[in-house]
Amino acid sequence: MPEPLITIAIEPSGRVSARGADTLAATLLRRAGFTEINDWHGLRHRMPLASSTDERKAVAGYAAQMLRAARYRVDIAPQLDPDPPQAPTPTDPLGRYTVGRAVLDLTDQLNAATTAGQAADALDQVLDPADGVLIRLQEAMEAAAEKCNDFDEDGNSFELSDRFTAAAEQLTQIGHDLDSAAFDFRALKPASPTQQPQERSRQAQVAAYSGTAVTSAARATSPATRDTPAGGRQGAAAGSTTAQPGSQPTRRAR
């Protein structure tokens, strides 16, 4: 069954009025500062006409917060709502699951992080051992396990209670396993930008040296290169001799 709908709007006269209240909602509206009116226009709750803009926003916003906490659906004028609900998602068109949406926002923050510190800030919201999402979820499972016994008069809730207890224990173990994960994530650092050009320069030097070594080795073992004079002309064929000035002719052995 859907929750009752309370409408808080600004009338043409400038008054702020609320309609659709039942007994509980009427009590909350009066506590916030509304006055109950029941005339030929019907039952409604109104704020004094002399209220300032800030007063109207404060009173109407406070009333909306109390009504939402009591599981009422509240349709309030945007200019009066200090805490507008999150934009709907395909799986939550009414914006009811605000806690899940908050965790989704953390996931978006983690995906958008450009540094390890930014990612660690998002992870810390989940993993903080005192106030993180994980410890709060563990406490919710423990509370559910206890409430099973409170609401079950026939004693048939032991199996369901054990399931919630097991879930709480698993979350406790996950918390222990990820105890310092956010801190360790923050310590991750990319290569320094000043070191990257030096690394590329060193690699270029190694490549240049390797190329020079290969060329030198090829020239050292090439017969054509070895027999080529400095003037660039091809040397005499192997086995031929050229007389040098002042040299003695070689005598043939008898």
C-alpha atoms as a PDB file:
ATOM      1  CA  MET A   1       0.000   0.000   0.000  1.00  0.00           C
ATOM      2  CA  PRO A   2       1.564   3.361  -0.981  1.00  0.00           C
ATOM      3  CA  GLU A   3       2.409   5.868   1.722  1.00  0.00           C
ATOM      4  CA  PRO A   4      -0.011   8.817   2.181  1.00  0.00           C
ATOM      5  CA  LEU A   5       0.839  11.899   0.133  1.00  0.00           C
ATOM      6  CA  ILE A   6       1.169  15.278   1.861  1.00  0.00           C
ATOM      7  CA  THR A   7       1.253  18.358  -0.369  1.00  0.00           C
ATOM      8  CA  ILE A   8       2.977  21.517   0.875  1.00  0.00           C
ATOM      9  CA  ALA A   9       2.482  24.453  -1.501  1.00  0.00           C
ATOM     10  CA  ILE A  10       2.416  28.228  -1.683  1.00  0.00           C
ATOM     11  CA  GLU A  11      -1.087  29.612  -2.191  1.00  0.00           C
ATOM     12  CA  PRO A  12      -1.800  32.610  -4.475  1.00  0.00           C
ATOM     13  CA  SER A  13      -2.122  34.743  -1.351  1.00  0.00           C
ATOM     14  CA  GLY A  14       1.436  33.865  -0.348  1.00  0.00           C
ATOM     15  CA  ARG A  15       0.484  31.559   2.519  1.00  0.00           C
ATOM     16  CA  VAL A  16       2.080  28.149   2.832  1.00  0.00           C
ATOM     17  CA  SER A  17      -0.459  25.362   3.249  1.00  0.00           C
ATOM     18  CA  ALA A  18      -0.328  21.595   3.652  1.00  0.00           C
ATOM     19  CA  ARG A  19      -3.055  19.187   2.555  1.00  0.00           C
ATOM     20  CA  GLY A  20      -3.685  15.468   2.846  1.00  0.00           C
ATOM     21  CA  ALA A  21      -2.690  15.043   6.488  1.00  0.00           C
ATOM     22  CA  ASP A  22      -4.046  12.263   8.648  1.00  0.00           C
ATOM     23  CA  THR A  23      -3.893  12.287  12.448  1.00  0.00           C
ATOM     24  CA  LEU A  24      -0.148  11.612  12.714  1.00  0.00           C
ATOM     25  CA  ALA A  25       0.780  13.991   9.894  1.00  0.00           C
ATOM     26  CA  ALA A  26      -1.397  16.689  11.456  1.00  0.00           C
ATOM     27  CA  THR A  27       0.504  16.309  14.726  1.00  0.00           C
ATOM     28  CA  LEU A  28       3.841  16.661  12.921  1.00  0.00           C
ATOM     29  CA  LEU A  29       2.661  19.709  10.994  1.00  0.00           C
ATOM     30  CA  ARG A  30       1.488  21.427  14.170  1.00  0.00           C
ATOM     31  CA  ARG A  31       4.818  20.626  15.813  1.00  0.00           C
ATOM     32  CA  ALA A  32       6.612  22.252  12.886  1.00  0.00           C
ATOM     33  CA  GLY A  33       4.585  25.466  13.191  1.00  0.00           C
ATOM     34  CA  PHE A  34       1.465  24.996  11.061  1.00  0.00           C
ATOM     35  CA  THR A  35      -2.033  25.866  12.252  1.00  0.00           C
ATOM     36  CA  GLU A  36      -4.966  23.565  11.489  1.00  0.00           C
ATOM     37  CA  ILE A  37      -7.803  25.148   9.489  1.00  0.00           C
ATOM     38  CA  ASN A  38     -11.123  23.435   8.766  1.00  0.00           C
ATOM     39  CA  ASP A  39     -13.547  25.614   6.793  1.00  0.00           C
ATOM     40  CA  TRP A  40     -15.576  25.403   3.608  1.00  0.00           C
ATOM     41  CA  HIS A  41     -12.293  24.880   1.688  1.00  0.00           C
ATOM     42  CA  GLY A  42     -11.749  21.691   3.671  1.00  0.00           C
ATOM     43  CA  LEU A  43      -9.232  20.534   6.243  1.00  0.00           C
ATOM     44  CA  ARG A  44      -5.721  21.876   5.761  1.00  0.00           C
ATOM     45  CA  HIS A  45      -2.796  23.321   7.672  1.00  0.00           C
ATOM     46  CA  ARG A  46      -1.455  26.802   7.096  1.00  0.00           C
ATOM     47  CA  MET A  47       1.369  29.070   8.192  1.00  0.00           C
ATOM     48  CA  PRO A  48       0.731  32.701   9.238  1.00  0.00           C
ATOM     49  CA  LEU A  49       0.556  35.106   6.326  1.00  0.00           C
ATOM     50  CA  ALA A  50       3.042  37.444   8.010  1.00  0.00           C
ATOM     51  CA  SER A  51       5.777  34.788   7.955  1.00  0.00           C
ATOM     52  CA  SER A  52       8.982  35.891   6.243  1.00  0.00           C
ATOM     53  CA  THR A  53      10.496  33.984   3.340  1.00  0.00           C
ATOM     54  CA  ASP A  54      13.167  32.468   5.593  1.00  0.00           C
ATOM     55  CA  GLU A  55      10.572  31.464   8.194  1.00  0.00           C
ATOM     56  CA  ARG A  56       8.365  29.804   5.597  1.00  0.00           C
ATOM     57  CA  LYS A  57      11.283  27.841   4.196  1.00  0.00           C
ATOM     58  CA  ALA A  58      12.488  26.808   7.650  1.00  0.00           C
ATOM     59  CA  VAL A  59       9.074  25.670   8.912  1.00  0.00           C
ATOM     60  CA  ALA A  60       8.034  23.947   5.686  1.00  0.00           C
ATOM     61  CA  GLY A  61      11.414  22.251   5.340  1.00  0.00           C
ATOM     62  CA  TYR A  62      11.316  21.006   8.923  1.00  0.00           C
ATOM     63  CA  ALA A  63       7.813  19.655   8.399  1.00  0.00           C
ATOM     64  CA  ALA A  64       8.870  17.877   5.197  1.00  0.00           C
ATOM     65  CA  GLN A  65      11.815  16.217   6.943  1.00  0.00           C
ATOM     66  CA  MET A  66       9.638  14.926   9.807  1.00  0.00           C
ATOM     67  CA  LEU A  67       6.969  13.663   7.421  1.00  0.00           C
ATOM     68  CA  ARG A  68       9.499  11.834   5.251  1.00  0.00           C
ATOM     69  CA  ALA A  69      11.056  10.271   8.336  1.00  0.00           C
ATOM     70  CA  ALA A  70       7.571   9.009   9.231  1.00  0.00           C
ATOM     71  CA  ARG A  71       7.328   7.353   5.783  1.00  0.00           C
ATOM     72  CA  TYR A  72       4.993   9.914   4.219  1.00  0.00           C
ATOM     73  CA  ARG A  73       5.401  10.923   0.611  1.00  0.00           C
ATOM     74  CA  VAL A  74       5.832  14.693   0.506  1.00  0.00           C
ATOM     75  CA  ASP A  75       5.191  16.880  -2.532  1.00  0.00           C
ATOM     76  CA  ILE A  76       6.661  20.240  -1.515  1.00  0.00           C
ATOM     77  CA  ALA A  77       7.269  23.376  -3.550  1.00  0.00           C
ATOM     78  CA  PRO A  78      10.945  23.357  -4.647  1.00  0.00           C
ATOM     79  CA  GLN A  79      11.618  26.803  -3.180  1.00  0.00           C
ATOM     80  CA  LEU A  80      10.539  25.496   0.246  1.00  0.00           C
ATOM     81  CA  ASP A  81      12.459  22.213   0.233  1.00  0.00           C
ATOM     82  CA  PRO A  82      15.859  22.457   1.985  1.00  0.00           C
ATOM     83  CA  ASP A  83      16.670  18.840   1.191  1.00  0.00           C
ATOM     84  CA  PRO A  84      15.247  17.918  -2.208  1.00  0.00           C
ATOM     85  CA  PRO A  85      15.293  14.195  -3.001  1.00  0.00           C
ATOM     86  CA  GLN A  86      17.873  12.804  -5.379  1.00  0.00           C
ATOM     87  CA  ALA A  87      17.037  12.605  -9.037  1.00  0.00           C
ATOM     88  CA  PRO A  88      15.233   9.337  -9.780  1.00  0.00           C
ATOM     89  CA  THR A  89      17.015   6.375 -11.332  1.00  0.00           C
ATOM     90  CA  PRO A  90      15.498   3.696 -13.613  1.00  0.00           C
ATOM     91  CA  THR A  91      15.331   1.239 -10.696  1.00  0.00           C
ATOM     92  CA  ASP A  92      14.150   3.852  -8.149  1.00  0.00           C
ATOM     93  CA  PRO A  93      11.853   6.288  -9.964  1.00  0.00           C
ATOM     94  CA  LEU A  94      10.383   7.650  -6.709  1.00  0.00           C
ATOM     95  CA  GLY A  95      13.769   8.300  -5.106  1.00  0.00           C
ATOM     96  CA  ARG A  96      12.921   6.255  -2.015  1.00  0.00           C
ATOM     97  CA  TYR A  97      16.238   4.436  -1.582  1.00  0.00           C
ATOM     98  CA  THR A  98      18.337   7.388  -0.517  1.00  0.00           C
ATOM     99  CA  VAL A  99      20.982   5.327   1.281  1.00  0.00           C
ATOM    100  CA  GLY A 100      21.632   3.192  -1.776  1.00  0.00           C
ATOM    101  CA  ARG A 101      21.789   6.353  -3.863  1.00  0.00           C
ATOM    102  CA  ALA A 102      24.413   7.768  -1.503  1.00  0.00           C
ATOM    103  CA  VAL A 103      26.554   4.648  -2.034  1.00  0.00           C
ATOM    104  CA  LEU A 104      26.004   4.976  -5.788  1.00  0.00           C
ATOM    105  CA  ASP A 105      27.283   8.550  -5.568  1.00  0.00           C
ATOM    106  CA  LEU A 106      30.407   7.216  -3.833  1.00  0.00           C
ATOM    107  CA  THR A 107      30.885   4.744  -6.674  1.00  0.00           C
ATOM    108  CA  ASP A 108      30.586   7.587  -9.188  1.00  0.00           C
ATOM    109  CA  GLN A 109      33.113   9.564  -7.156  1.00  0.00           C
ATOM    110  CA  LEU A 110      35.491   6.604  -7.191  1.00  0.00           C
ATOM    111  CA  ASN A 111      35.118   6.127 -10.949  1.00  0.00           C
ATOM    112  CA  ALA A 112      35.747   9.837 -11.557  1.00  0.00           C
ATOM    113  CA  ALA A 113      38.879   9.980  -9.374  1.00  0.00           C
ATOM    114  CA  THR A 114      42.008  11.160 -11.169  1.00  0.00           C
ATOM    115  CA  THR A 115      44.417  10.629  -8.266  1.00  0.00           C
ATOM    116  CA  ALA A 116      44.931   7.929  -5.685  1.00  0.00           C
ATOM    117  CA  GLY A 117      44.029  10.418  -2.953  1.00  0.00           C
ATOM    118  CA  GLN A 118      40.641  11.174  -4.483  1.00  0.00           C
ATOM    119  CA  ALA A 119      39.872   7.467  -4.816  1.00  0.00           C
ATOM    120  CA  ALA A 120      40.990   6.850  -1.222  1.00  0.00           C
ATOM    121  CA  ASP A 121      38.619   9.573   0.011  1.00  0.00           C
ATOM    122  CA  ALA A 122      35.697   7.708  -1.550  1.00  0.00           C
ATOM    123  CA  LEU A 123      36.892   4.352  -0.213  1.00  0.00           C
ATOM    124  CA  ASP A 124      37.288   5.799   3.283  1.00  0.00           C
ATOM    125  CA  GLN A 125      33.564   6.607   3.332  1.00  0.00           C
ATOM    126  CA  VAL A 126      32.904   2.887   2.836  1.00  0.00           C
ATOM    127  CA  LEU A 127      35.701   1.314   4.885  1.00  0.00           C
ATOM    128  CA  ASP A 128      36.112   3.598   7.895  1.00  0.00           C
ATOM    129  CA  PRO A 129      35.969   1.214  10.902  1.00  0.00           C
ATOM    130  CA  ALA A 130      33.865   3.605  12.999  1.00  0.00           C
ATOM    131  CA  ASP A 131      31.552   5.427  10.608  1.00  0.00           C
ATOM    132  CA  GLY A 132      31.911   3.788   7.186  1.00  0.00           C
ATOM    133  CA  VAL A 133      29.171   2.192   5.118  1.00  0.00           C
ATOM    134  CA  LEU A 134      30.495  -1.304   5.837  1.00  0.00           C
ATOM    135  CA  ILE A 135      30.307  -1.045   9.629  1.00  0.00           C
ATOM    136  CA  ARG A 136      26.865   0.545   9.446  1.00  0.00           C
ATOM    137  CA  LEU A 137      25.644  -2.291   7.228  1.00  0.00           C
ATOM    138  CA  GLN A 138      27.048  -4.813   9.692  1.00  0.00           C
ATOM    139  CA  GLU A 139      25.188  -3.100  12.535  1.00  0.00           C
ATOM    140  CA  ALA A 140      21.965  -3.171  10.487  1.00  0.00           C
ATOM    141  CA  MET A 141      22.306  -6.950  10.002  1.00  0.00           C
ATOM    142  CA  GLU A 142      22.879  -7.427  13.737  1.00  0.00           C
ATOM    143  CA  ALA A 143      19.815  -5.297  14.539  1.00  0.00           C
ATOM    144  CA  ALA A 144      17.720  -7.318  12.072  1.00  0.00           C
ATOM    145  CA  ALA A 145      18.824 -10.549  13.750  1.00  0.00           C
ATOM    146  CA  GLU A 146      17.674  -9.246  17.131  1.00  0.00           C
ATOM    147  CA  LYS A 147      14.379  -7.912  15.804  1.00  0.00           C
ATOM    148  CA  CYS A 148      13.505 -11.310  14.362  1.00  0.00           C
ATOM    149  CA  ASN A 149      13.210 -12.600  17.881  1.00  0.00           C
ATOM    150  CA  ASP A 150      11.281  -9.533  19.084  1.00  0.00           C
ATOM    151  CA  PHE A 151       8.548  -9.887  16.484  1.00  0.00           C
ATOM    152  CA  ASP A 152       8.220 -13.658  16.507  1.00  0.00           C
ATOM    153  CA  GLU A 153       6.000 -14.911  19.321  1.00  0.00           C
ATOM    154  CA  ASP A 154       6.022 -18.557  18.178  1.00  0.00           C
ATOM    155  CA  GLY A 155       9.786 -18.987  18.173  1.00  0.00           C
ATOM    156  CA  ASN A 156      10.041 -19.726  14.457  1.00  0.00           C
ATOM    157  CA  SER A 157      12.513 -16.962  13.629  1.00  0.00           C
ATOM    158  CA  PHE A 158      15.717 -18.754  14.599  1.00  0.00           C
ATOM    159  CA  GLU A 159      16.633 -19.672  11.027  1.00  0.00           C
ATOM    160  CA  LEU A 160      16.057 -16.137   9.726  1.00  0.00           C
ATOM    161  CA  SER A 161      17.906 -14.642  12.676  1.00  0.00           C
ATOM    162  CA  ASP A 162      20.861 -16.953  12.021  1.00  0.00           C
ATOM    163  CA  ARG A 163      20.996 -15.786   8.411  1.00  0.00           C
ATOM    164  CA  PHE A 164      21.240 -12.164   9.458  1.00  0.00           C
ATOM    165  CA  THR A 165      23.846 -13.068  12.087  1.00  0.00           C
ATOM    166  CA  ALA A 166      25.936 -14.931   9.498  1.00  0.00           C
ATOM    167  CA  ALA A 167      25.734 -11.927   7.169  1.00  0.00           C
ATOM    168  CA  ALA A 168      26.927  -9.642   9.982  1.00  0.00           C
ATOM    169  CA  GLU A 169      29.864 -11.968  10.670  1.00  0.00           C
ATOM    170  CA  GLN A 170      30.827 -11.985   6.990  1.00  0.00           C
ATOM    171  CA  LEU A 171      30.757  -8.191   6.909  1.00  0.00           C
ATOM    172  CA  THR A 172      32.941  -8.137  10.019  1.00  0.00           C
ATOM    173  CA  GLN A 173      35.483 -10.355   8.283  1.00  0.00           C
ATOM    174  CA  ILE A 174      35.409  -8.161   5.184  1.00  0.00           C
ATOM    175  CA  GLY A 175      36.073  -5.149   7.387  1.00  0.00           C
ATOM    176  CA  HIS A 176      39.105  -6.885   8.914  1.00  0.00           C
ATOM    177  CA  ASP A 177      40.428  -7.901   5.485  1.00  0.00           C
ATOM    178  CA  LEU A 178      40.140  -4.322   4.191  1.00  0.00           C
ATOM    179  CA  ASP A 179      41.234  -2.665   7.431  1.00  0.00           C
ATOM    180  CA  SER A 180      44.043  -0.568   5.899  1.00  0.00           C
ATOM    181  CA  ALA A 181      42.953  -0.720   2.269  1.00  0.00           C
ATOM    182  CA  ALA A 182      42.003   2.968   1.992  1.00  0.00           C
ATOM    183  CA  PHE A 183      45.340   3.989   3.557  1.00  0.00           C
ATOM    184  CA  ASP A 184      47.269   1.677   1.238  1.00  0.00           C
ATOM    185  CA  PHE A 185      45.335   3.001  -1.752  1.00  0.00           C
ATOM    186  CA  ARG A 186      46.267   6.563  -0.812  1.00  0.00           C
ATOM    187  CA  ALA A 187      49.943   5.569  -0.792  1.00  0.00           C
ATOM    188  CA  LEU A 188      49.826   4.512  -4.454  1.00  0.00           C
ATOM    189  CA  LYS A 189      51.768   7.009  -6.563  1.00  0.00           C
ATOM    190  CA  PRO A 190      52.289   7.165 -10.357  1.00  0.00           C
ATOM    191  CA  ALA A 191      55.731   7.648 -11.873  1.00  0.00           C
ATOM    192  CA  SER A 192      57.027  11.166 -11.350  1.00  0.00           C
ATOM    193  CA  PRO A 193      56.604  13.320 -14.483  1.00  0.00           C
ATOM    194  CA  THR A 194      60.223  14.530 -14.096  1.00  0.00           C
ATOM    195  CA  GLN A 195      61.473  10.967 -14.274  1.00  0.00           C
ATOM    196  CA  GLN A 196      59.632   9.963 -17.426  1.00  0.00           C
ATOM    197  CA  PRO A 197      61.672  12.138 -19.890  1.00  0.00           C
ATOM    198  CA  GLN A 198      64.883  10.895 -18.263  1.00  0.00           C
ATOM    199  CA  GLU A 199      63.731   7.328 -18.753  1.00  0.00           C
ATOM    200  CA  ARG A 200      62.939   7.966 -22.419  1.00  0.00           C
ATOM    201  CA  SER A 201      66.345   9.670 -22.840  1.00  0.00           C
ATOM    202  CA  ARG A 202      68.129   6.673 -21.324  1.00  0.00           C
ATOM    203  CA  GLN A 203      66.234   4.311 -23.601  1.00  0.00           C
ATOM    204  CA  ALA A 204      67.175   6.474 -26.598  1.00  0.00           C
ATOM    205  CA  GLN A 205      70.851   6.346 -25.582  1.00  0.00           C
ATOM    206  CA  VAL A 206      70.689   2.570 -25.258  1.00  0.00           C
ATOM    207  CA  ALA A 207      69.056   2.274 -28.675  1.00  0.00           C
ATOM    208  CA  ALA A 208      71.683   4.592 -30.259  1.00  0.00           C
ATOM    209  CA  TYR A 209      74.525   2.655 -28.646  1.00  0.00           C
ATOM    210  CA  SER A 210      73.080  -0.652 -29.821  1.00  0.00           C
ATOM    211  CA  GLY A 211      72.759   0.662 -33.360  1.00  0.00           C
ATOM    212  CA  THR A 212      76.368   1.902 -33.355  1.00  0.00           C
ATOM    213  CA  ALA A 213      77.643  -1.395 -32.009  1.00  0.00           C
ATOM    214  CA  VAL A 214      75.834  -3.373 -34.693  1.00  0.00           C
ATOM    215  CA  THR A 215      77.176  -1.108 -37.456  1.00  0.00           C
ATOM    216  CA  SER A 216      80.722  -1.307 -36.118  1.00  0.00           C
ATOM    217  CA  ALA A 217      80.547  -5.085 -35.921  1.00  0.00           C
ATOM    218  CA  ALA A 218      79.312  -5.300 -39.511  1.00  0.00           C
ATOM    219  CA  ARG A 219      82.096  -3.042 -40.805  1.00  0.00           C
ATOM    220  CA  ALA A 220      84.733  -4.987 -38.907  1.00  0.00           C
ATOM    221  CA  THR A 221      83.762  -8.290 -40.502  1.00  0.00           C
ATOM    222  CA  SER A 222      83.071  -7.047 -44.034  1.00  0.00           C
ATOM    223  CA  PRO A 223      85.958  -7.982 -46.501  1.00  0.00           C
ATOM    224  CA  ALA A 224      84.950  -5.125 -48.783  1.00  0.00           C
ATOM    225  CA  THR A 225      85.183  -2.643 -45.991  1.00  0.00           C
ATOM    226  CA  ARG A 226      88.463  -4.076 -44.721  1.00  0.00           C
ATOM    227  CA  ASP A 227      90.148  -3.882 -48.170  1.00  0.00           C
ATOM    228  CA  THR A 228      88.832  -0.408 -49.045  1.00  0.00           C
ATOM    229  CA  PRO A 229      91.579   2.261 -48.762  1.00  0.00           C
ATOM    230  CA  ALA A 230      90.907   5.551 -47.093  1.00  0.00           C
ATOM    231  CA  GLY A 231      90.537   7.216 -50.519  1.00  0.00           C
ATOM    232  CA  GLY A 232      87.497   5.107 -51.224  1.00  0.00           C
ATOM    233  CA  ARG A 233      89.007   3.100 -54.191  1.00  0.00           C
ATOM    234  CA  GLN A 234      88.744  -0.629 -54.174  1.00  0.00           C
ATOM    235  CA  GLY A 235      92.014  -2.303 -53.204  1.00  0.00           C
ATOM    236  CA  ALA A 236      93.983  -4.751 -55.356  1.00  0.00           C
ATOM    237  CA  ALA A 237      92.711  -8.209 -55.821  1.00  0.00           C
ATOM    238  CA  ALA A 238      93.772 -10.798 -53.329  1.00  0.00           C
ATOM    239  CA  GLY A 239      97.228 -12.312 -54.252  1.00  0.00           C
ATOM    240  CA  SER A 240      98.471  -9.309 -56.308  1.00  0.00           C
ATOM    241  CA  THR A 241     101.510  -7.289 -55.176  1.00  0.00           C
ATOM    242  CA  THR A 242     102.470  -3.716 -55.782  1.00  0.00           C
ATOM    243  CA  ALA A 243     106.107  -2.626 -55.674  1.00  0.00           C
ATOM    244  CA  GLN A 244     106.847  -0.058 -53.034  1.00  0.00           C
ATOM    245  CA  PRO A 245     109.546   2.576 -53.555  1.00  0.00           C
ATOM    246  CA  GLY A 246     112.919   1.511 -52.178  1.00  0.00           C
ATOM    247  CA  SER A 247     111.911  -2.061 -51.612  1.00  0.00           C
ATOM    248  CA  GLN A 248     114.058  -5.008 -52.773  1.00  0.00           C
ATOM    249  CA  PRO A 249     112.607  -7.535 -55.196  1.00  0.00           C
ATOM    250  CA  THR A 250     111.933 -10.853 -53.651  1.00  0.00           C
ATOM    251  CA  ARG A 251     114.215 -13.593 -54.829  1.00  0.00           C
ATOM    252  CA  ARG A 252     112.685 -16.819 -55.913  1.00  0.00           C
ATOM    253  CA  ALA A 253     114.022 -19.813 -54.091  1.00  0.00           C
ATOM    254  CA  ARG A 254     116.012 -22.195 -56.200  1.00  0.00           C
END
